[in-house]
PDB file of N, CA and C in Angstrom:
ATOM      1  N   MET A   1     110.915  67.455  59.648  1.00  0.00           N
ATOM      2  CA  MET A   1     111.897  67.978  58.717  1.00  0.00           C
ATOM      3  C   MET A   1     112.256  69.408  59.115  1.00  0.00           C
ATOM      4  N   ALA A   2     113.535  69.686  59.189  1.00  0.00           N
ATOM      5  CA  ALA A   2     114.007  71.009  59.596  1.00  0.00           C
ATOM      6  C   ALA A   2     113.605  72.072  58.577  1.00  0.00           C
ATOM      7  N   ILE A   3     113.374  73.263  59.099  1.00  0.00           N
ATOM      8  CA  ILE A   3     112.982  74.406  58.277  1.00  0.00           C
ATOM      9  C   ILE A   3     114.025  75.494  58.463  1.00  0.00           C
ATOM     10  N   ARG A   4     114.466  76.069  57.352  1.00  0.00           N
ATOM     11  CA  ARG A   4     115.388  77.205  57.388  1.00  0.00           C
ATOM     12  C   ARG A   4     114.721  78.378  56.683  1.00  0.00           C
ATOM     13  N   LEU A   5     114.752  79.527  57.334  1.00  0.00           N
ATOM     14  CA  LEU A   5     114.115  80.727  56.800  1.00  0.00           C
ATOM     15  C   LEU A   5     115.105  81.874  56.740  1.00  0.00           C
ATOM     16  N   CYS A   6     114.985  82.674  55.710  1.00  0.00           N
ATOM     17  CA  CYS A   6     115.660  83.963  55.624  1.00  0.00           C
ATOM     18  C   CYS A   6     114.549  85.006  55.717  1.00  0.00           C
ATOM     19  N   VAL A   7     114.622  85.846  56.744  1.00  0.00           N
ATOM     20  CA  VAL A   7     113.583  86.842  57.001  1.00  0.00           C
ATOM     21  C   VAL A   7     114.154  88.228  56.711  1.00  0.00           C
ATOM     22  N   LEU A   8     113.479  88.966  55.843  1.00  0.00           N
ATOM     23  CA  LEU A   8     113.863  90.333  55.498  1.00  0.00           C
ATOM     24  C   LEU A   8     112.824  91.277  56.089  1.00  0.00           C
ATOM     25  N   LEU A   9     113.283  92.313  56.769  1.00  0.00           N
ATOM     26  CA  LEU A   9     112.377  93.242  57.459  1.00  0.00           C
ATOM     27  C   LEU A   9     112.653  94.684  57.060  1.00  0.00           C
ATOM     28  N   TRP A  10     111.597  95.379  56.676  1.00  0.00           N
ATOM     29  CA  TRP A  10     111.660  96.798  56.353  1.00  0.00           C
ATOM     30  C   TRP A  10     110.948  97.584  57.451  1.00  0.00           C
ATOM     31  N   PRO A  11     111.546  98.662  57.937  1.00  0.00           N
ATOM     32  CA  PRO A  11     110.902  99.434  58.999  1.00  0.00           C
ATOM     33  C   PRO A  11     109.841 100.379  58.454  1.00  0.00           C
ATOM     34  N   ALA A  12     108.874 100.680  59.294  1.00  0.00           N
ATOM     35  CA  ALA A  12     107.967 101.782  58.998  1.00  0.00           C
ATOM     36  C   ALA A  12     108.798 103.066  59.044  1.00  0.00           C
ATOM     37  N   SER A  13     108.323 104.096  58.437  1.00  0.00           N
ATOM     38  CA  SER A  13     109.061 105.359  58.373  1.00  0.00           C
ATOM     39  C   SER A  13     109.441 105.845  59.776  1.00  0.00           C
ATOM     40  N   GLY A  14     110.736 106.015  59.999  1.00  0.00           N
ATOM     41  CA  GLY A  14     111.235 106.515  61.275  1.00  0.00           C
ATOM     42  C   GLY A  14     111.185 105.518  62.417  1.00  0.00           C
ATOM     43  N   ALA A  15     110.893 104.243  62.120  1.00  0.00           N
ATOM     44  CA  ALA A  15     110.687 103.257  63.186  1.00  0.00           C
ATOM     45  C   ALA A  15     111.795 102.205  63.255  1.00  0.00           C
ATOM     46  N   GLU A  16     112.996 102.569  62.848  1.00  0.00           N
ATOM     47  CA  GLU A  16     114.092 101.609  62.846  1.00  0.00           C
ATOM     48  C   GLU A  16     114.338 101.006  64.229  1.00  0.00           C
ATOM     49  N   GLU A  17     114.408 101.847  65.244  1.00  0.00           N
ATOM     50  CA  GLU A  17     114.649 101.350  66.603  1.00  0.00           C
ATOM     51  C   GLU A  17     113.457 100.554  67.126  1.00  0.00           C
ATOM     52  N   ASP A  18     112.259 100.926  66.737  1.00  0.00           N
ATOM     53  CA  ASP A  18     111.075 100.173  67.151  1.00  0.00           C
ATOM     54  C   ASP A  18     111.089  98.770  66.544  1.00  0.00           C
ATOM     55  N   LEU A  19     111.519  98.659  65.294  1.00  0.00           N
ATOM     56  CA  LEU A  19     111.633  97.354  64.656  1.00  0.00           C
ATOM     57  C   LEU A  19     112.629  96.502  65.425  1.00  0.00           C
ATOM     58  N   ARG A  20     113.779  97.060  65.733  1.00  0.00           N
ATOM     59  CA  ARG A  20     114.789  96.307  66.492  1.00  0.00           C
ATOM     60  C   ARG A  20     114.251  95.888  67.858  1.00  0.00           C
ATOM     61  N   GLY A  21     113.539  96.785  68.520  1.00  0.00           N
ATOM     62  CA  GLY A  21     112.975  96.474  69.829  1.00  0.00           C
ATOM     63  C   GLY A  21     111.958  95.352  69.769  1.00  0.00           C
ATOM     64  N   TYR A  22     111.114  95.382  68.759  1.00  0.00           N
ATOM     65  CA  TYR A  22     110.130  94.318  68.583  1.00  0.00           C
ATOM     66  C   TYR A  22     110.839  92.985  68.370  1.00  0.00           C
ATOM     67  N   GLU A  23     111.813  92.970  67.479  1.00  0.00           N
ATOM     68  CA  GLU A  23     112.536  91.725  67.205  1.00  0.00           C
ATOM     69  C   GLU A  23     113.298  91.248  68.441  1.00  0.00           C
ATOM     70  N   ASP A  24     113.853  92.167  69.209  1.00  0.00           N
ATOM     71  CA  ASP A  24     114.520  91.793  70.465  1.00  0.00           C
ATOM     72  C   ASP A  24     113.552  91.079  71.401  1.00  0.00           C
ATOM     73  N   ALA A  25     112.299  91.465  71.363  1.00  0.00           N
ATOM     74  CA  ALA A  25     111.290  90.883  72.252  1.00  0.00           C
ATOM     75  C   ALA A  25     110.811  89.512  71.781  1.00  0.00           C
ATOM     76  N   VAL A  26     110.682  89.306  70.482  1.00  0.00           N
ATOM     77  CA  VAL A  26     110.071  88.065  70.001  1.00  0.00           C
ATOM     78  C   VAL A  26     111.062  86.967  69.614  1.00  0.00           C
ATOM     79  N   LEU A  27     112.248  87.333  69.186  1.00  0.00           N
ATOM     80  CA  LEU A  27     113.184  86.300  68.743  1.00  0.00           C
ATOM     81  C   LEU A  27     113.585  85.313  69.840  1.00  0.00           C
ATOM     82  N   PRO A  28     113.701  85.719  71.106  1.00  0.00           N
ATOM     83  CA  PRO A  28     114.015  84.733  72.147  1.00  0.00           C
ATOM     84  C   PRO A  28     112.963  83.622  72.297  1.00  0.00           C
ATOM     85  N   LEU A  29     111.755  83.857  71.812  1.00  0.00           N
ATOM     86  CA  LEU A  29     110.709  82.842  71.888  1.00  0.00           C
ATOM     87  C   LEU A  29     110.992  81.641  70.986  1.00  0.00           C
ATOM     88  N   LEU A  30     111.860  81.814  70.003  1.00  0.00           N
ATOM     89  CA  LEU A  30     112.188  80.719  69.088  1.00  0.00           C
ATOM     90  C   LEU A  30     112.651  79.476  69.832  1.00  0.00           C
ATOM     91  N   ASP A  31     113.488  79.676  70.844  1.00  0.00           N
ATOM     92  CA  ASP A  31     114.050  78.543  71.588  1.00  0.00           C
ATOM     93  C   ASP A  31     112.966  77.616  72.119  1.00  0.00           C
ATOM     94  N   GLU A  32     111.885  78.179  72.602  1.00  0.00           N
ATOM     95  CA  GLU A  32     110.809  77.385  73.194  1.00  0.00           C
ATOM     96  C   GLU A  32     110.013  76.593  72.159  1.00  0.00           C
ATOM     97  N   HIS A  33     110.248  76.894  70.886  1.00  0.00           N
ATOM     98  CA  HIS A  33     109.514  76.232  69.807  1.00  0.00           C
ATOM     99  C   HIS A  33     110.444  75.408  68.919  1.00  0.00           C
ATOM    100  N   GLY A  34     111.587  75.033  69.474  1.00  0.00           N
ATOM    101  CA  GLY A  34     112.522  74.201  68.724  1.00  0.00           C
ATOM    102  C   GLY A  34     113.245  74.943  67.631  1.00  0.00           C
ATOM    103  N   GLY A  35     113.394  76.240  67.811  1.00  0.00           N
ATOM    104  CA  GLY A  35     114.068  77.043  66.799  1.00  0.00           C
ATOM    105  C   GLY A  35     115.285  77.745  67.357  1.00  0.00           C
ATOM    106  N   ARG A  36     116.030  78.334  66.461  1.00  0.00           N
ATOM    107  CA  ARG A  36     117.163  79.151  66.883  1.00  0.00           C
ATOM    108  C   ARG A  36     117.449  80.214  65.841  1.00  0.00           C
ATOM    109  N   LEU A  37     117.927  81.317  66.340  1.00  0.00           N
ATOM    110  CA  LEU A  37     118.354  82.410  65.478  1.00  0.00           C
ATOM    111  C   LEU A  37     119.811  82.149  65.114  1.00  0.00           C
ATOM    112  N   VAL A  38     120.065  81.869  63.854  1.00  0.00           N
ATOM    113  CA  VAL A  38     121.415  81.571  63.386  1.00  0.00           C
ATOM    114  C   VAL A  38     122.195  82.857  63.163  1.00  0.00           C
ATOM    115  N   ALA A  39     121.544  83.837  62.563  1.00  0.00           N
ATOM    116  CA  ALA A  39     122.195  85.124  62.279  1.00  0.00           C
ATOM    117  C   ALA A  39     121.146  86.219  62.246  1.00  0.00           C
ATOM    118  N   ARG A  40     121.567  87.392  62.684  1.00  0.00           N
ATOM    119  CA  ARG A  40     120.717  88.584  62.631  1.00  0.00           C
ATOM    120  C   ARG A  40     121.629  89.747  62.275  1.00  0.00           C
ATOM    121  N   GLU A  41     121.413  90.302  61.107  1.00  0.00           N
ATOM    122  CA  GLU A  41     122.309  91.339  60.594  1.00  0.00           C
ATOM    123  C   GLU A  41     121.538  92.595  60.215  1.00  0.00           C
ATOM    124  N   THR A  42     122.169  93.726  60.441  1.00  0.00           N
ATOM    125  CA  THR A  42     121.631  95.011  59.993  1.00  0.00           C
ATOM    126  C   THR A  42     122.222  95.313  58.629  1.00  0.00           C
ATOM    127  N   VAL A  43     121.369  95.702  57.713  1.00  0.00           N
ATOM    128  CA  VAL A  43     121.771  95.993  56.340  1.00  0.00           C
ATOM    129  C   VAL A  43     122.254  97.437  56.242  1.00  0.00           C
ATOM    130  N   VAL A  44     123.339  97.640  55.526  1.00  0.00           N
ATOM    131  CA  VAL A  44     123.766  98.995  55.168  1.00  0.00           C
ATOM    132  C   VAL A  44     122.877  99.375  53.984  1.00  0.00           C
ATOM    133  N   ARG A  45     121.871 100.156  54.271  1.00  0.00           N
ATOM    134  CA  ARG A  45     120.836 100.426  53.280  1.00  0.00           C
ATOM    135  C   ARG A  45     121.287 101.486  52.281  1.00  0.00           C
ATOM    136  N   ALA A  46     121.235 101.142  50.996  1.00  0.00           N
ATOM    137  CA  ALA A  46     121.527 102.098  49.934  1.00  0.00           C
ATOM    138  C   ALA A  46     120.299 102.947  49.638  1.00  0.00           C
ATOM    139  N   SER A  47     119.126 102.400  49.955  1.00  0.00           N
ATOM    140  CA  SER A  47     117.874 103.120  49.744  1.00  0.00           C
ATOM    141  C   SER A  47     116.802 102.497  50.638  1.00  0.00           C
ATOM    142  N   GLU A  48     115.641 103.121  50.665  1.00  0.00           N
ATOM    143  CA  GLU A  48     114.532 102.581  51.444  1.00  0.00           C
ATOM    144  C   GLU A  48     113.983 101.289  50.846  1.00  0.00           C
ATOM    145  N   ASN A  49     114.430 100.954  49.639  1.00  0.00           N
ATOM    146  CA  ASN A  49     114.030  99.692  49.023  1.00  0.00           C
ATOM    147  C   ASN A  49     114.730  98.505  49.665  1.00  0.00           C
ATOM    148  N   ASP A  50     115.834  98.759  50.361  1.00  0.00           N
ATOM    149  CA  ASP A  50     116.577  97.696  51.031  1.00  0.00           C
ATOM    150  C   ASP A  50     115.973  97.424  52.409  1.00  0.00           C
ATOM    151  N   PRO A  51     115.976  96.161  52.824  1.00  0.00           N
ATOM    152  CA  PRO A  51     115.496  95.880  54.179  1.00  0.00           C
ATOM    153  C   PRO A  51     116.467  96.458  55.209  1.00  0.00           C
ATOM    154  N   LEU A  52     115.992  96.635  56.420  1.00  0.00           N
ATOM    155  CA  LEU A  52     116.851  97.083  57.514  1.00  0.00           C
ATOM    156  C   LEU A  52     117.551  95.892  58.164  1.00  0.00           C
ATOM    157  N   GLU A  53     116.847  94.768  58.215  1.00  0.00           N
ATOM    158  CA  GLU A  53     117.372  93.629  58.944  1.00  0.00           C
ATOM    159  C   GLU A  53     117.169  92.344  58.154  1.00  0.00           C
ATOM    160  N   VAL A  54     118.156  91.454  58.262  1.00  0.00           N
ATOM    161  CA  VAL A  54     118.088  90.127  57.655  1.00  0.00           C
ATOM    162  C   VAL A  54     118.356  89.122  58.765  1.00  0.00           C
ATOM    163  N   GLN A  55     117.500  88.115  58.847  1.00  0.00           N
ATOM    164  CA  GLN A  55     117.652  87.073  59.858  1.00  0.00           C
ATOM    165  C   GLN A  55     117.690  85.709  59.180  1.00  0.00           C
ATOM    166  N   LEU A  56     118.491  84.820  59.732  1.00  0.00           N
ATOM    167  CA  LEU A  56     118.484  83.426  59.326  1.00  0.00           C
ATOM    168  C   LEU A  56     118.006  82.632  60.532  1.00  0.00           C
ATOM    169  N   ILE A  57     116.914  81.907  60.355  1.00  0.00           N
ATOM    170  CA  ILE A  57     116.268  81.175  61.444  1.00  0.00           C
ATOM    171  C   ILE A  57     116.150  79.711  61.051  1.00  0.00           C
ATOM    172  N   GLU A  58     116.411  78.834  62.023  1.00  0.00           N
ATOM    173  CA  GLU A  58     116.211  77.400  61.829  1.00  0.00           C
ATOM    174  C   GLU A  58     115.209  76.901  62.853  1.00  0.00           C
ATOM    175  N   LEU A  59     114.296  76.059  62.405  1.00  0.00           N
ATOM    176  CA  LEU A  59     113.323  75.405  63.286  1.00  0.00           C
ATOM    177  C   LEU A  59     113.342  73.919  62.986  1.00  0.00           C
ATOM    178  N   ARG A  60     113.016  73.109  63.996  1.00  0.00           N
ATOM    179  CA  ARG A  60     113.109  71.656  63.793  1.00  0.00           C
ATOM    180  C   ARG A  60     112.036  71.125  62.856  1.00  0.00           C
ATOM    181  N   ASP A  61     110.857  71.801  62.809  1.00  0.00           N
ATOM    182  CA  ASP A  61     109.776  71.297  61.960  1.00  0.00           C
ATOM    183  C   ASP A  61     108.677  72.350  61.817  1.00  0.00           C
ATOM    184  N   GLN A  62     107.663  72.017  61.026  1.00  0.00           N
ATOM    185  CA  GLN A  62     106.546  72.942  60.780  1.00  0.00           C
ATOM    186  C   GLN A  62     105.774  73.234  62.060  1.00  0.00           C
ATOM    187  N   ALA A  63     105.647  72.235  62.928  1.00  0.00           N
ATOM    188  CA  ALA A  63     104.937  72.445  64.189  1.00  0.00           C
ATOM    189  C   ALA A  63     105.639  73.515  65.029  1.00  0.00           C
ATOM    190  N   GLY A  64     106.963  73.521  65.016  1.00  0.00           N
ATOM    191  CA  GLY A  64     107.707  74.545  65.739  1.00  0.00           C
ATOM    192  C   GLY A  64     107.450  75.926  65.167  1.00  0.00           C
ATOM    193  N   LEU A  65     107.451  76.044  63.840  1.00  0.00           N
ATOM    194  CA  LEU A  65     107.169  77.330  63.197  1.00  0.00           C
ATOM    195  C   LEU A  65     105.754  77.784  63.520  1.00  0.00           C
ATOM    196  N   ASP A  66     104.801  76.869  63.417  1.00  0.00           N
ATOM    197  CA  ASP A  66     103.407  77.211  63.727  1.00  0.00           C
ATOM    198  C   ASP A  66     103.265  77.654  65.180  1.00  0.00           C
ATOM    199  N   GLY A  67     103.954  76.963  66.076  1.00  0.00           N
ATOM    200  CA  GLY A  67     103.904  77.324  67.490  1.00  0.00           C
ATOM    201  C   GLY A  67     104.483  78.694  67.754  1.00  0.00           C
ATOM    202  N   TYR A  68     105.591  79.008  67.102  1.00  0.00           N
ATOM    203  CA  TYR A  68     106.207  80.322  67.254  1.00  0.00           C
ATOM    204  C   TYR A  68     105.274  81.410  66.725  1.00  0.00           C
ATOM    205  N   LEU A  69     104.734  81.197  65.540  1.00  0.00           N
ATOM    206  CA  LEU A  69     103.874  82.211  64.930  1.00  0.00           C
ATOM    207  C   LEU A  69     102.594  82.439  65.729  1.00  0.00           C
ATOM    208  N   SER A  70     102.121  81.418  66.431  1.00  0.00           N
ATOM    209  CA  SER A  70     100.880  81.555  67.194  1.00  0.00           C
ATOM    210  C   SER A  70     101.122  81.740  68.693  1.00  0.00           C
ATOM    211  N   ASP A  71     102.372  81.920  69.090  1.00  0.00           N
ATOM    212  CA  ASP A  71     102.680  82.107  70.514  1.00  0.00           C
ATOM    213  C   ASP A  71     101.936  83.335  71.037  1.00  0.00           C
ATOM    214  N   PRO A  72     101.173  83.199  72.117  1.00  0.00           N
ATOM    215  CA  PRO A  72     100.378  84.323  72.622  1.00  0.00           C
ATOM    216  C   PRO A  72     101.221  85.534  73.027  1.00  0.00           C
ATOM    217  N   ARG A  73     102.438  85.306  73.478  1.00  0.00           N
ATOM    218  CA  ARG A  73     103.312  86.439  73.838  1.00  0.00           C
ATOM    219  C   ARG A  73     103.715  87.214  72.595  1.00  0.00           C
ATOM    220  N   ARG A  74     103.940  86.508  71.496  1.00  0.00           N
ATOM    221  CA  ARG A  74     104.268  87.173  70.233  1.00  0.00           C
ATOM    222  C   ARG A  74     103.044  87.914  69.700  1.00  0.00           C
ATOM    223  N   LEU A  75     101.895  87.260  69.741  1.00  0.00           N
ATOM    224  CA  LEU A  75     100.665  87.874  69.241  1.00  0.00           C
ATOM    225  C   LEU A  75     100.265  89.097  70.063  1.00  0.00           C
ATOM    226  N   ALA A  76     100.599  89.109  71.345  1.00  0.00           N
ATOM    227  CA  ALA A  76     100.282  90.259  72.201  1.00  0.00           C
ATOM    228  C   ALA A  76     101.037  91.514  71.778  1.00  0.00           C
ATOM    229  N   LEU A  77     102.104  91.342  71.000  1.00  0.00           N
ATOM    230  CA  LEU A  77     102.908  92.481  70.533  1.00  0.00           C
ATOM    231  C   LEU A  77     102.560  92.889  69.103  1.00  0.00           C
ATOM    232  N   GLU A  78     101.460  92.397  68.590  1.00  0.00           N
ATOM    233  CA  GLU A  78     101.095  92.662  67.191  1.00  0.00           C
ATOM    234  C   GLU A  78     100.923  94.157  66.901  1.00  0.00           C
ATOM    235  N   ASP A  79     100.380  94.927  67.835  1.00  0.00           N
ATOM    236  CA  ASP A  79     100.242  96.372  67.608  1.00  0.00           C
ATOM    237  C   ASP A  79     101.602  97.037  67.453  1.00  0.00           C
ATOM    238  N   GLU A  80     102.564  96.636  68.297  1.00  0.00           N
ATOM    239  CA  GLU A  80     103.918  97.180  68.194  1.00  0.00           C
ATOM    240  C   GLU A  80     104.539  96.808  66.854  1.00  0.00           C
ATOM    241  N   ARG A  81     104.315  95.570  66.448  1.00  0.00           N
ATOM    242  CA  ARG A  81     104.853  95.122  65.167  1.00  0.00           C
ATOM    243  C   ARG A  81     104.253  95.931  64.016  1.00  0.00           C
ATOM    244  N   ALA A  82     102.956  96.145  64.056  1.00  0.00           N
ATOM    245  CA  ALA A  82     102.272  96.875  62.989  1.00  0.00           C
ATOM    246  C   ALA A  82     102.801  98.299  62.862  1.00  0.00           C
ATOM    247  N   GLN A  83     103.187  98.910  63.974  1.00  0.00           N
ATOM    248  CA  GLN A  83     103.717 100.272  63.946  1.00  0.00           C
ATOM    249  C   GLN A  83     105.180 100.320  63.527  1.00  0.00           C
ATOM    250  N   ALA A  84     105.920  99.230  63.767  1.00  0.00           N
ATOM    251  CA  ALA A  84     107.360  99.234  63.533  1.00  0.00           C
ATOM    252  C   ALA A  84     107.774  98.653  62.186  1.00  0.00           C
ATOM    253  N   VAL A  85     107.023  97.670  61.710  1.00  0.00           N
ATOM    254  CA  VAL A  85     107.434  96.919  60.524  1.00  0.00           C
ATOM    255  C   VAL A  85     106.515  97.248  59.362  1.00  0.00           C
ATOM    256  N   ALA A  86     107.098  97.816  58.312  1.00  0.00           N
ATOM    257  CA  ALA A  86     106.313  98.162  57.131  1.00  0.00           C
ATOM    258  C   ALA A  86     106.113  96.956  56.221  1.00  0.00           C
ATOM    259  N   ARG A  87     107.135  96.086  56.181  1.00  0.00           N
ATOM    260  CA  ARG A  87     107.092  94.976  55.232  1.00  0.00           C
ATOM    261  C   ARG A  87     107.984  93.849  55.749  1.00  0.00           C
ATOM    262  N   THR A  88     107.541  92.625  55.503  1.00  0.00           N
ATOM    263  CA  THR A  88     108.331  91.442  55.837  1.00  0.00           C
ATOM    264  C   THR A  88     108.326  90.524  54.632  1.00  0.00           C
ATOM    265  N   ARG A  89     109.471  89.938  54.356  1.00  0.00           N
ATOM    266  CA  ARG A  89     109.540  88.898  53.314  1.00  0.00           C
ATOM    267  C   ARG A  89     110.239  87.699  53.927  1.00  0.00           C
ATOM    268  N   ILE A  90     109.599  86.548  53.851  1.00  0.00           N
ATOM    269  CA  ILE A  90     110.154  85.327  54.398  1.00  0.00           C
ATOM    270  C   ILE A  90     110.442  84.373  53.256  1.00  0.00           C
ATOM    271  N   LEU A  91     111.696  83.965  53.164  1.00  0.00           N
ATOM    272  CA  LEU A  91     112.134  83.038  52.133  1.00  0.00           C
ATOM    273  C   LEU A  91     112.463  81.702  52.786  1.00  0.00           C
ATOM    274  N   ARG A  92     111.877  80.642  52.302  1.00  0.00           N
ATOM    275  CA  ARG A  92     112.189  79.302  52.811  1.00  0.00           C
ATOM    276  C   ARG A  92     113.397  78.796  52.040  1.00  0.00           C
ATOM    277  N   LEU A  93     114.406  78.324  52.757  1.00  0.00           N
ATOM    278  CA  LEU A  93     115.657  77.916  52.156  1.00  0.00           C
ATOM    279  C   LEU A  93     115.746  76.399  52.045  1.00  0.00           C
ATOM    280  N   GLU A  94     116.452  75.924  51.055  1.00  0.00           N
ATOM    281  CA  GLU A  94     116.697  74.495  50.899  1.00  0.00           C
ATOM    282  C   GLU A  94     117.737  74.044  51.912  1.00  0.00           C
ATOM    283  N   GLY A  95     117.631  72.762  52.261  1.00  0.00           N
ATOM    284  CA  GLY A  95     118.664  72.139  53.093  1.00  0.00           C
ATOM    285  C   GLY A  95     118.563  72.547  54.488  1.00  0.00           C
TER     286      GLY A  95
END
């Protein structure tokens, strides 16, 4: 069953470009796990309460999502992610 996600990302203080760089590195891995990036948008932030980036991601199934999340190349960048991303919210979408 296909999975659709809306991913909201908040940067660590002063790490906006680092967040973008991290996402630039990991999002291409989706293809290898039966996924695709449908949309990736930068938010015009009214305050720090707003996310910096919103992504819409589709994957063919749970195994693809699990594979992406556990991909060793993605996990190898966990330190960079921890420094760049203050908060992530993942919303599973219907349909």
